[in-house]
Amino acid sequence: MDPGTFDWAKVQGYLALGINRISLGSQAFQPDLLAACGRTHQVEDIYTSVALLRRAGLDNFSLDLISGLPGQSLADWRASLEAAIALQPTHVSAYDLVIEPTTVFGKRYAAGIGPLPEDEATAQMYRLAQGLLTEAGYGHYEVSNYAQPGWQCRHNRVYWENCPYYGFGMGAASYTQGRRFARPRTRREYFAWLEDLALGQAELGEPLTPQDRLLETLMLGLRLTEGVALTQLEAAFGAAVVAQVLKTVQPFVPLGWVSLEEQRLGLTDPEGMLFSNQVLARLFEVLDGAVLERG
């Protein structure tokens, strides 16, 4: 929810629907950075929104922050983190800016080239977020997410644990019965799809292969600081697969990126999380098409 569009009527409406958690897209606590990332709300709107939530008795709220914004310094990032912590949300999401080629940002900027911070600067921002938030009592339970004890996001854990879920509405994605599919994005196509669904003729995606399930289990499970249980991995895919996974990640252990403790494979915090893409890329390179050919 954009703090700039938040008002008392909306808060009451959400409560009437039974909603018990709100996520505010704060992004930054500096007016120039909000403008740089195209946000329409002002810094004071963040404080007003939090006050409205508390007035309604809804203390379960999350604040989203973005690092790596154009012109953002480490001092800016520290100030945003400290401002967020001072508001005492139950949950904080600290995302690194991702430049997508087809977006406005993608046309204006290139990753690592000014005014965007260099890669080392964004790495320092990641480490700073982990340090400040954990010191403030927020558990770092997922690559970009922190929560006070007992307030992890149950909704998002469904994705990271690779559990089935339904999505409703135009463009919504679902994962059910071993299939992933997205509903059409335009209204005409969406209503036509619903008519086909009622007749049992709608496309629901191809079933995932064992290879797909293995790679998704690793990609999603390693986003969690608790990692992946090797016993569950073996039960689902076999001992040979587990042996290949362990052999593949072994070079990352002395680098301090991978941990193997209590029959769990995980990424260390914060360094392993910071370099998760390198670990996952290697797993995909080795495991894709090689281990599960016999299915």
C-alpha atoms as a PDB file:
ATOM      1  CA  MET A   1       0.000   0.000   0.000  1.00  0.00           C
ATOM      2  CA  ASP A   2       1.306   3.448  -0.983  1.00  0.00           C
ATOM      3  CA  PRO A   3       1.317   5.715   2.112  1.00  0.00           C
ATOM      4  CA  GLY A   4       0.253   8.601  -0.128  1.00  0.00           C
ATOM      5  CA  THR A   5      -3.113   6.979  -0.847  1.00  0.00           C
ATOM      6  CA  PHE A   6      -3.797   5.834   2.713  1.00  0.00           C
ATOM      7  CA  ASP A   7      -6.698   7.294   4.687  1.00  0.00           C
ATOM      8  CA  TRP A   8      -8.946   6.506   7.636  1.00  0.00           C
ATOM      9  CA  ALA A   9     -11.785   5.172   5.465  1.00  0.00           C
ATOM     10  CA  LYS A  10      -9.419   2.668   3.853  1.00  0.00           C
ATOM     11  CA  VAL A  11      -8.177   1.489   7.230  1.00  0.00           C
ATOM     12  CA  GLN A  12     -11.754   0.903   8.389  1.00  0.00           C
ATOM     13  CA  GLY A  13     -12.554  -0.868   5.129  1.00  0.00           C
ATOM     14  CA  TYR A  14      -9.609  -3.229   5.493  1.00  0.00           C
ATOM     15  CA  LEU A  15     -10.570  -4.086   9.055  1.00  0.00           C
ATOM     16  CA  ALA A  16     -14.161  -4.776   7.958  1.00  0.00           C
ATOM     17  CA  LEU A  17     -12.808  -7.291   5.428  1.00  0.00           C
ATOM     18  CA  GLY A  18     -10.935  -9.098   8.195  1.00  0.00           C
ATOM     19  CA  ILE A  19      -7.489  -7.972   7.028  1.00  0.00           C
ATOM     20  CA  ASN A  20      -5.067  -8.029   9.962  1.00  0.00           C
ATOM     21  CA  ARG A  21      -1.764  -7.016   8.340  1.00  0.00           C
ATOM     22  CA  ILE A  22      -0.808  -4.022   6.205  1.00  0.00           C
ATOM     23  CA  SER A  23       2.405  -3.552   4.217  1.00  0.00           C
ATOM     24  CA  LEU A  24       3.381   0.070   3.530  1.00  0.00           C
ATOM     25  CA  GLY A  25       5.604   0.838   0.554  1.00  0.00           C
ATOM     26  CA  SER A  26       7.654   3.467   2.375  1.00  0.00           C
ATOM     27  CA  GLN A  27      10.802   2.867   0.244  1.00  0.00           C
ATOM     28  CA  ALA A  28      12.826   5.771   1.726  1.00  0.00           C
ATOM     29  CA  PHE A  29      12.655   8.558   4.311  1.00  0.00           C
ATOM     30  CA  GLN A  30      14.298  11.219   2.110  1.00  0.00           C
ATOM     31  CA  PRO A  31      12.116  13.387  -0.203  1.00  0.00           C
ATOM     32  CA  ASP A  32      14.691  13.421  -3.006  1.00  0.00           C
ATOM     33  CA  LEU A  33      14.972   9.623  -3.016  1.00  0.00           C
ATOM     34  CA  LEU A  34      11.196   9.215  -3.074  1.00  0.00           C
ATOM     35  CA  ALA A  35      11.098  11.510  -6.093  1.00  0.00           C
ATOM     36  CA  ALA A  36      13.998   9.647  -7.731  1.00  0.00           C
ATOM     37  CA  CYS A  37      12.149   6.336  -7.590  1.00  0.00           C
ATOM     38  CA  GLY A  38       8.890   7.829  -8.829  1.00  0.00           C
ATOM     39  CA  ARG A  39       6.929   7.676  -5.580  1.00  0.00           C
ATOM     40  CA  THR A  40       4.078  10.131  -5.171  1.00  0.00           C
ATOM     41  CA  HIS A  41       3.902  10.076  -1.380  1.00  0.00           C
ATOM     42  CA  GLN A  42       5.847  12.331   0.979  1.00  0.00           C
ATOM     43  CA  VAL A  43       7.843  11.357   4.046  1.00  0.00           C
ATOM     44  CA  GLU A  44       5.121  12.729   6.346  1.00  0.00           C
ATOM     45  CA  ASP A  45       2.619  10.389   4.669  1.00  0.00           C
ATOM     46  CA  ILE A  46       4.522   7.430   6.123  1.00  0.00           C
ATOM     47  CA  TYR A  47       4.102   8.761   9.654  1.00  0.00           C
ATOM     48  CA  THR A  48       0.445   9.647   9.027  1.00  0.00           C
ATOM     49  CA  SER A  49      -0.294   6.145   7.724  1.00  0.00           C
ATOM     50  CA  VAL A  50       1.330   4.478  10.727  1.00  0.00           C
ATOM     51  CA  ALA A  51      -0.629   6.760  13.066  1.00  0.00           C
ATOM     52  CA  LEU A  52      -3.893   5.792  11.325  1.00  0.00           C
ATOM     53  CA  LEU A  53      -3.087   2.106  11.668  1.00  0.00           C
ATOM     54  CA  ARG A  54      -2.346   2.449  15.363  1.00  0.00           C
ATOM     55  CA  ARG A  55      -5.470   4.539  15.898  1.00  0.00           C
ATOM     56  CA  ALA A  56      -7.446   1.631  14.428  1.00  0.00           C
ATOM     57  CA  GLY A  57      -5.679  -0.818  16.733  1.00  0.00           C
ATOM     58  CA  LEU A  58      -3.798  -2.485  13.886  1.00  0.00           C
ATOM     59  CA  ASP A  59      -0.224  -2.820  15.118  1.00  0.00           C
ATOM     60  CA  ASN A  60       0.684  -5.619  12.709  1.00  0.00           C
ATOM     61  CA  PHE A  61       2.202  -3.675   9.834  1.00  0.00           C
ATOM     62  CA  SER A  62       5.293  -3.970   7.663  1.00  0.00           C
ATOM     63  CA  LEU A  63       7.464  -1.247   6.135  1.00  0.00           C
ATOM     64  CA  ASP A  64       9.140  -1.746   2.755  1.00  0.00           C
ATOM     65  CA  LEU A  65      12.503  -0.076   2.094  1.00  0.00           C
ATOM     66  CA  ILE A  66      14.654  -0.030  -1.061  1.00  0.00           C
ATOM     67  CA  SER A  67      18.437   0.208  -1.189  1.00  0.00           C
ATOM     68  CA  GLY A  68      20.512   1.069  -4.253  1.00  0.00           C
ATOM     69  CA  LEU A  69      18.342   4.013  -5.339  1.00  0.00           C
ATOM     70  CA  PRO A  70      19.765   6.728  -7.634  1.00  0.00           C
ATOM     71  CA  GLY A  71      21.937   9.071  -5.588  1.00  0.00           C
ATOM     72  CA  GLN A  72      21.410   7.090  -2.380  1.00  0.00           C
ATOM     73  CA  SER A  73      24.341   7.107   0.040  1.00  0.00           C
ATOM     74  CA  LEU A  74      25.130   4.713   2.863  1.00  0.00           C
ATOM     75  CA  ALA A  75      24.197   7.525   5.278  1.00  0.00           C
ATOM     76  CA  ASP A  76      20.792   7.857   3.566  1.00  0.00           C
ATOM     77  CA  TRP A  77      20.208   4.140   3.901  1.00  0.00           C
ATOM     78  CA  ARG A  78      21.181   4.171   7.573  1.00  0.00           C
ATOM     79  CA  ALA A  79      18.794   7.083   8.207  1.00  0.00           C
ATOM     80  CA  SER A  80      15.909   5.226   6.517  1.00  0.00           C
ATOM     81  CA  LEU A  81      16.592   2.072   8.494  1.00  0.00           C
ATOM     82  CA  GLU A  82      16.761   3.967  11.770  1.00  0.00           C
ATOM     83  CA  ALA A  83      13.556   5.869  10.966  1.00  0.00           C
ATOM     84  CA  ALA A  84      11.777   2.610  10.172  1.00  0.00           C
ATOM     85  CA  ILE A  85      13.009   0.947  13.358  1.00  0.00           C
ATOM     86  CA  ALA A  86      11.835   3.935  15.411  1.00  0.00           C
ATOM     87  CA  LEU A  87       8.271   3.351  14.140  1.00  0.00           C
ATOM     88  CA  GLN A  88       8.449  -0.195  15.588  1.00  0.00           C
ATOM     89  CA  PRO A  89       6.736  -2.151  12.802  1.00  0.00           C
ATOM     90  CA  THR A  90       6.354  -5.878  13.386  1.00  0.00           C
ATOM     91  CA  HIS A  91       8.019  -6.555  10.031  1.00  0.00           C
ATOM     92  CA  VAL A  92      10.490  -4.864   7.672  1.00  0.00           C
ATOM     93  CA  SER A  93      11.238  -5.744   4.044  1.00  0.00           C
ATOM     94  CA  ALA A  94      14.572  -4.375   2.804  1.00  0.00           C
ATOM     95  CA  TYR A  95      14.848  -4.849  -0.950  1.00  0.00           C
ATOM     96  CA  ASP A  96      17.745  -4.053  -3.269  1.00  0.00           C
ATOM     97  CA  LEU A  97      16.720  -2.123  -6.382  1.00  0.00           C
ATOM     98  CA  VAL A  98      16.425  -4.395  -9.411  1.00  0.00           C
ATOM     99  CA  ILE A  99      16.730  -2.734 -12.819  1.00  0.00           C
ATOM    100  CA  GLU A 100      14.323  -4.313 -15.327  1.00  0.00           C
ATOM    101  CA  PRO A 101      15.143  -3.555 -19.004  1.00  0.00           C
ATOM    102  CA  THR A 102      11.582  -2.650 -20.052  1.00  0.00           C
ATOM    103  CA  THR A 103      10.859  -0.272 -17.155  1.00  0.00           C
ATOM    104  CA  VAL A 104      11.401   3.492 -16.924  1.00  0.00           C
ATOM    105  CA  PHE A 105      14.349   2.812 -14.608  1.00  0.00           C
ATOM    106  CA  GLY A 106      15.789   0.378 -17.122  1.00  0.00           C
ATOM    107  CA  LYS A 107      15.762   3.055 -19.812  1.00  0.00           C
ATOM    108  CA  ARG A 108      17.374   5.675 -17.564  1.00  0.00           C
ATOM    109  CA  TYR A 109      19.967   3.741 -15.613  1.00  0.00           C
ATOM    110  CA  ALA A 110      22.428   0.860 -15.793  1.00  0.00           C
ATOM    111  CA  ALA A 111      23.236  -1.183 -12.693  1.00  0.00           C
ATOM    112  CA  GLY A 112      26.444  -0.100 -10.970  1.00  0.00           C
ATOM    113  CA  ILE A 113      26.808   3.074 -13.059  1.00  0.00           C
ATOM    114  CA  GLY A 114      26.119   6.529 -11.537  1.00  0.00           C
ATOM    115  CA  PRO A 115      23.879   7.871 -10.210  1.00  0.00           C
ATOM    116  CA  LEU A 116      23.175   4.320  -9.018  1.00  0.00           C
ATOM    117  CA  PRO A 117      25.462   3.146  -6.207  1.00  0.00           C
ATOM    118  CA  GLU A 118      28.245   0.760  -7.198  1.00  0.00           C
ATOM    119  CA  ASP A 119      27.896  -2.931  -6.377  1.00  0.00           C
ATOM    120  CA  GLU A 120      30.195  -2.719  -3.360  1.00  0.00           C
ATOM    121  CA  ALA A 121      28.122   0.157  -1.965  1.00  0.00           C
ATOM    122  CA  THR A 122      24.899  -1.845  -2.270  1.00  0.00           C
ATOM    123  CA  ALA A 123      26.638  -4.812  -0.627  1.00  0.00           C
ATOM    124  CA  GLN A 124      27.525  -2.543   2.293  1.00  0.00           C
ATOM    125  CA  MET A 125      23.889  -1.423   2.426  1.00  0.00           C
ATOM    126  CA  TYR A 126      22.799  -5.063   2.681  1.00  0.00           C
ATOM    127  CA  ARG A 127      25.228  -5.717   5.525  1.00  0.00           C
ATOM    128  CA  LEU A 128      24.155  -2.525   7.292  1.00  0.00           C
ATOM    129  CA  ALA A 129      20.477  -3.505   7.111  1.00  0.00           C
ATOM    130  CA  GLN A 130      21.242  -6.924   8.549  1.00  0.00           C
ATOM    131  CA  GLY A 131      23.282  -5.416  11.381  1.00  0.00           C
ATOM    132  CA  LEU A 132      20.888  -2.640  12.403  1.00  0.00           C
ATOM    133  CA  LEU A 133      17.704  -4.665  12.115  1.00  0.00           C
ATOM    134  CA  THR A 134      18.967  -7.729  13.959  1.00  0.00           C
ATOM    135  CA  GLU A 135      20.394  -5.511  16.705  1.00  0.00           C
ATOM    136  CA  ALA A 136      16.930  -3.962  17.023  1.00  0.00           C
ATOM    137  CA  GLY A 137      15.382  -7.394  17.584  1.00  0.00           C
ATOM    138  CA  TYR A 138      14.235  -8.242  14.063  1.00  0.00           C
ATOM    139  CA  GLY A 139      15.009 -11.787  13.006  1.00  0.00           C
ATOM    140  CA  HIS A 140      16.470 -12.062   9.503  1.00  0.00           C
ATOM    141  CA  TYR A 141      14.371 -14.979   8.305  1.00  0.00           C
ATOM    142  CA  GLU A 142      14.510 -14.489   4.504  1.00  0.00           C
ATOM    143  CA  VAL A 143      16.921 -12.806   2.077  1.00  0.00           C
ATOM    144  CA  SER A 144      15.066  -9.470   2.166  1.00  0.00           C
ATOM    145  CA  ASN A 145      12.775  -9.842   5.169  1.00  0.00           C
ATOM    146  CA  TYR A 146      12.996  -9.252   8.901  1.00  0.00           C
ATOM    147  CA  ALA A 147      10.417  -9.751  11.615  1.00  0.00           C
ATOM    148  CA  GLN A 148       9.957  -9.357  15.326  1.00  0.00           C
ATOM    149  CA  PRO A 149       9.547 -12.745  17.088  1.00  0.00           C
ATOM    150  CA  GLY A 150       6.275 -14.356  16.038  1.00  0.00           C
ATOM    151  CA  TRP A 151       5.594 -11.929  13.170  1.00  0.00           C
ATOM    152  CA  GLN A 152       7.068 -13.580  10.086  1.00  0.00           C
ATOM    153  CA  CYS A 153       4.903 -13.153   6.990  1.00  0.00           C
ATOM    154  CA  ARG A 154       2.855 -16.357   6.726  1.00  0.00           C
ATOM    155  CA  HIS A 155       1.617 -15.371   3.277  1.00  0.00           C
ATOM    156  CA  ASN A 156       5.088 -15.134   1.744  1.00  0.00           C
ATOM    157  CA  ARG A 157       6.387 -18.226   3.528  1.00  0.00           C
ATOM    158  CA  VAL A 158       3.906 -20.203   1.418  1.00  0.00           C
ATOM    159  CA  TYR A 159       5.929 -19.210  -1.661  1.00  0.00           C
ATOM    160  CA  TRP A 160       9.353 -19.801  -0.114  1.00  0.00           C
ATOM    161  CA  GLU A 161       8.323 -23.211   1.207  1.00  0.00           C
ATOM    162  CA  ASN A 162       7.057 -24.079  -2.294  1.00  0.00           C
ATOM    163  CA  CYS A 163       3.532 -24.809  -1.068  1.00  0.00           C
ATOM    164  CA  PRO A 164       0.403 -24.621  -3.272  1.00  0.00           C
ATOM    165  CA  TYR A 165      -1.542 -21.363  -3.448  1.00  0.00           C
ATOM    166  CA  TYR A 166      -4.360 -19.740  -5.397  1.00  0.00           C
ATOM    167  CA  GLY A 167      -4.294 -16.287  -6.989  1.00  0.00           C
ATOM    168  CA  PHE A 168      -7.507 -14.537  -8.060  1.00  0.00           C
ATOM    169  CA  GLY A 169      -7.966 -11.675 -10.499  1.00  0.00           C
ATOM    170  CA  MET A 170      -6.373 -10.517 -13.723  1.00  0.00           C
ATOM    171  CA  GLY A 171      -2.717 -11.495 -13.985  1.00  0.00           C
ATOM    172  CA  ALA A 172      -2.757 -13.435 -10.704  1.00  0.00           C
ATOM    173  CA  ALA A 173      -0.461 -16.462 -10.476  1.00  0.00           C
ATOM    174  CA  SER A 174      -1.350 -19.806  -8.900  1.00  0.00           C
ATOM    175  CA  TYR A 175       0.477 -22.995  -8.004  1.00  0.00           C
ATOM    176  CA  THR A 176      -1.757 -26.007  -7.491  1.00  0.00           C
ATOM    177  CA  GLN A 177      -1.831 -29.708  -8.321  1.00  0.00           C
ATOM    178  CA  GLY A 178       1.814 -29.531  -9.367  1.00  0.00           C
ATOM    179  CA  ARG A 179       1.182 -26.824 -11.960  1.00  0.00           C
ATOM    180  CA  ARG A 180       2.034 -23.122 -12.175  1.00  0.00           C
ATOM    181  CA  PHE A 181      -0.126 -20.789 -14.220  1.00  0.00           C
ATOM    182  CA  ALA A 182      -1.090 -17.126 -14.474  1.00  0.00           C
ATOM    183  CA  ARG A 183      -4.522 -15.740 -15.288  1.00  0.00           C
ATOM    184  CA  PRO A 184      -4.819 -13.419 -18.329  1.00  0.00           C
ATOM    185  CA  ARG A 185      -3.930  -9.757 -17.747  1.00  0.00           C
ATOM    186  CA  THR A 186      -6.632  -8.066 -19.853  1.00  0.00           C
ATOM    187  CA  ARG A 187     -10.310  -7.982 -18.931  1.00  0.00           C
ATOM    188  CA  ARG A 188     -11.585  -9.515 -22.179  1.00  0.00           C
ATOM    189  CA  GLU A 189      -9.123 -12.384 -22.087  1.00  0.00           C
ATOM    190  CA  TYR A 190      -9.748 -12.891 -18.375  1.00  0.00           C
ATOM    191  CA  PHE A 191     -13.507 -13.289 -18.740  1.00  0.00           C
ATOM    192  CA  ALA A 192     -13.014 -15.621 -21.697  1.00  0.00           C
ATOM    193  CA  TRP A 193     -10.624 -17.681 -19.552  1.00  0.00           C
ATOM    194  CA  LEU A 194     -13.220 -17.856 -16.742  1.00  0.00           C
ATOM    195  CA  GLU A 195     -15.819 -19.145 -19.197  1.00  0.00           C
ATOM    196  CA  ASP A 196     -13.390 -21.832 -20.355  1.00  0.00           C
ATOM    197  CA  LEU A 197     -12.597 -22.667 -16.733  1.00  0.00           C
ATOM    198  CA  ALA A 198     -16.302 -23.244 -15.999  1.00  0.00           C
ATOM    199  CA  LEU A 199     -16.385 -25.666 -18.940  1.00  0.00           C
ATOM    200  CA  GLY A 200     -13.188 -27.394 -17.819  1.00  0.00           C
ATOM    201  CA  GLN A 201     -11.307 -26.148 -20.865  1.00  0.00           C
ATOM    202  CA  ALA A 202      -9.008 -23.491 -19.361  1.00  0.00           C
ATOM    203  CA  GLU A 203      -5.256 -23.895 -19.644  1.00  0.00           C
ATOM    204  CA  LEU A 204      -3.746 -24.551 -16.214  1.00  0.00           C
ATOM    205  CA  GLY A 205      -0.129 -24.924 -17.229  1.00  0.00           C
ATOM    206  CA  GLU A 206       2.031 -27.968 -17.782  1.00  0.00           C
ATOM    207  CA  PRO A 207       2.811 -30.213 -14.782  1.00  0.00           C
ATOM    208  CA  LEU A 208       6.194 -29.486 -13.224  1.00  0.00           C
ATOM    209  CA  THR A 209       8.851 -32.087 -13.927  1.00  0.00           C
ATOM    210  CA  PRO A 210      10.888 -33.612 -11.078  1.00  0.00           C
ATOM    211  CA  GLN A 211      13.755 -31.445 -12.338  1.00  0.00           C
ATOM    212  CA  ASP A 212      11.592 -28.319 -12.008  1.00  0.00           C
ATOM    213  CA  ARG A 213      10.557 -29.267  -8.500  1.00  0.00           C
ATOM    214  CA  LEU A 214      14.138 -29.866  -7.392  1.00  0.00           C
ATOM    215  CA  LEU A 215      15.436 -26.558  -8.716  1.00  0.00           C
ATOM    216  CA  GLU A 216      12.466 -24.623  -7.320  1.00  0.00           C
ATOM    217  CA  THR A 217      12.832 -26.300  -3.926  1.00  0.00           C
ATOM    218  CA  LEU A 218      16.473 -25.190  -3.758  1.00  0.00           C
ATOM    219  CA  MET A 219      15.913 -21.713  -5.198  1.00  0.00           C
ATOM    220  CA  LEU A 220      13.011 -20.898  -2.864  1.00  0.00           C
ATOM    221  CA  GLY A 221      14.144 -22.797   0.225  1.00  0.00           C
ATOM    222  CA  LEU A 222      17.611 -21.250   0.244  1.00  0.00           C
ATOM    223  CA  ARG A 223      16.022 -17.797   0.448  1.00  0.00           C
ATOM    224  CA  LEU A 224      15.100 -18.689   4.038  1.00  0.00           C
ATOM    225  CA  THR A 225      17.860 -18.414   6.623  1.00  0.00           C
ATOM    226  CA  GLU A 226      16.787 -21.794   8.003  1.00  0.00           C
ATOM    227  CA  GLY A 227      17.599 -23.299   4.608  1.00  0.00           C
ATOM    228  CA  VAL A 228      16.505 -26.695   3.274  1.00  0.00           C
ATOM    229  CA  ALA A 229      16.214 -29.904   5.294  1.00  0.00           C
ATOM    230  CA  LEU A 230      18.425 -32.561   3.692  1.00  0.00           C
ATOM    231  CA  THR A 231      16.178 -35.356   4.976  1.00  0.00           C
ATOM    232  CA  GLN A 232      13.187 -33.860   3.156  1.00  0.00           C
ATOM    233  CA  LEU A 233      15.273 -33.310   0.046  1.00  0.00           C
ATOM    234  CA  GLU A 234      16.339 -36.961   0.114  1.00  0.00           C
ATOM    235  CA  ALA A 235      12.777 -38.176   0.663  1.00  0.00           C
ATOM    236  CA  ALA A 236      11.574 -36.191  -2.347  1.00  0.00           C
ATOM    237  CA  PHE A 237      14.454 -36.663  -4.770  1.00  0.00           C
ATOM    238  CA  GLY A 238      16.734 -39.447  -3.532  1.00  0.00           C
ATOM    239  CA  ALA A 239      20.119 -39.832  -1.855  1.00  0.00           C
ATOM    240  CA  ALA A 240      22.039 -39.427  -5.137  1.00  0.00           C
ATOM    241  CA  VAL A 241      20.533 -35.977  -5.630  1.00  0.00           C
ATOM    242  CA  VAL A 242      21.461 -34.894  -2.115  1.00  0.00           C
ATOM    243  CA  ALA A 243      25.025 -36.112  -2.662  1.00  0.00           C
ATOM    244  CA  GLN A 244      25.263 -34.099  -5.893  1.00  0.00           C
ATOM    245  CA  VAL A 245      23.863 -30.984  -4.198  1.00  0.00           C
ATOM    246  CA  LEU A 246      26.372 -31.256  -1.348  1.00  0.00           C
ATOM    247  CA  LYS A 247      29.261 -31.775  -3.773  1.00  0.00           C
ATOM    248  CA  THR A 248      28.180 -28.712  -5.766  1.00  0.00           C
ATOM    249  CA  VAL A 249      27.994 -26.346  -2.781  1.00  0.00           C
ATOM    250  CA  GLN A 250      31.185 -27.629  -1.102  1.00  0.00           C
ATOM    251  CA  PRO A 251      33.449 -24.936  -2.695  1.00  0.00           C
ATOM    252  CA  PHE A 252      31.284 -22.238  -1.108  1.00  0.00           C
ATOM    253  CA  VAL A 253      31.712 -23.582   2.440  1.00  0.00           C
ATOM    254  CA  PRO A 254      35.293 -22.260   2.972  1.00  0.00           C
ATOM    255  CA  LEU A 255      34.168 -18.914   1.513  1.00  0.00           C
ATOM    256  CA  GLY A 256      31.720 -18.665   4.413  1.00  0.00           C
ATOM    257  CA  TRP A 257      28.670 -18.560   2.129  1.00  0.00           C
ATOM    258  CA  VAL A 258      27.145 -21.988   2.800  1.00  0.00           C
ATOM    259  CA  SER A 259      26.380 -23.695   6.098  1.00  0.00           C
ATOM    260  CA  LEU A 260      25.764 -27.411   6.669  1.00  0.00           C
ATOM    261  CA  GLU A 261      24.459 -27.908  10.176  1.00  0.00           C
ATOM    262  CA  GLU A 262      21.950 -30.289  11.756  1.00  0.00           C
ATOM    263  CA  GLN A 263      21.090 -31.922   8.446  1.00  0.00           C
ATOM    264  CA  ARG A 264      20.204 -28.600   6.853  1.00  0.00           C
ATOM    265  CA  LEU A 265      21.685 -26.816   3.866  1.00  0.00           C
ATOM    266  CA  GLY A 266      21.582 -23.042   4.222  1.00  0.00           C
ATOM    267  CA  LEU A 267      23.194 -19.770   3.249  1.00  0.00           C
ATOM    268  CA  THR A 268      25.073 -17.841   5.913  1.00  0.00           C
ATOM    269  CA  ASP A 269      23.801 -14.487   7.155  1.00  0.00           C
ATOM    270  CA  PRO A 270      24.650 -12.008   5.768  1.00  0.00           C
ATOM    271  CA  GLU A 271      27.447 -13.111   3.391  1.00  0.00           C
ATOM    272  CA  GLY A 272      25.788 -16.209   1.964  1.00  0.00           C
ATOM    273  CA  MET A 273      22.537 -14.332   1.465  1.00  0.00           C
ATOM    274  CA  LEU A 274      24.442 -11.523  -0.218  1.00  0.00           C
ATOM    275  CA  PHE A 275      26.032 -13.944  -2.692  1.00  0.00           C
ATOM    276  CA  SER A 276      23.024 -16.249  -3.046  1.00  0.00           C
ATOM    277  CA  ASN A 277      22.793 -15.731  -6.807  1.00  0.00           C
ATOM    278  CA  GLN A 278      26.271 -17.159  -7.322  1.00  0.00           C
ATOM    279  CA  VAL A 279      25.451 -20.253  -5.259  1.00  0.00           C
ATOM    280  CA  LEU A 280      22.112 -20.814  -6.978  1.00  0.00           C
ATOM    281  CA  ALA A 281      23.556 -20.255 -10.446  1.00  0.00           C
ATOM    282  CA  ARG A 282      26.107 -22.998  -9.796  1.00  0.00           C
ATOM    283  CA  LEU A 283      23.426 -25.380  -8.487  1.00  0.00           C
ATOM    284  CA  PHE A 284      21.293 -24.759 -11.569  1.00  0.00           C
ATOM    285  CA  GLU A 285      24.276 -25.232 -13.882  1.00  0.00           C
ATOM    286  CA  VAL A 286      25.198 -28.594 -12.372  1.00  0.00           C
ATOM    287  CA  LEU A 287      21.738 -29.999 -11.637  1.00  0.00           C
ATOM    288  CA  ASP A 288      19.785 -28.872 -14.679  1.00  0.00           C
ATOM    289  CA  GLY A 289      19.153 -31.971 -16.776  1.00  0.00           C
ATOM    290  CA  ALA A 290      21.860 -34.106 -15.178  1.00  0.00           C
ATOM    291  CA  VAL A 291      20.624 -35.737 -11.985  1.00  0.00           C
ATOM    292  CA  LEU A 292      16.977 -36.510 -12.622  1.00  0.00           C
ATOM    293  CA  GLU A 293      17.044 -37.849 -16.163  1.00  0.00           C
ATOM    294  CA  ARG A 294      15.618 -41.138 -14.890  1.00  0.00           C
ATOM    295  CA  GLY A 295      12.824 -39.059 -13.240  1.00  0.00           C
END
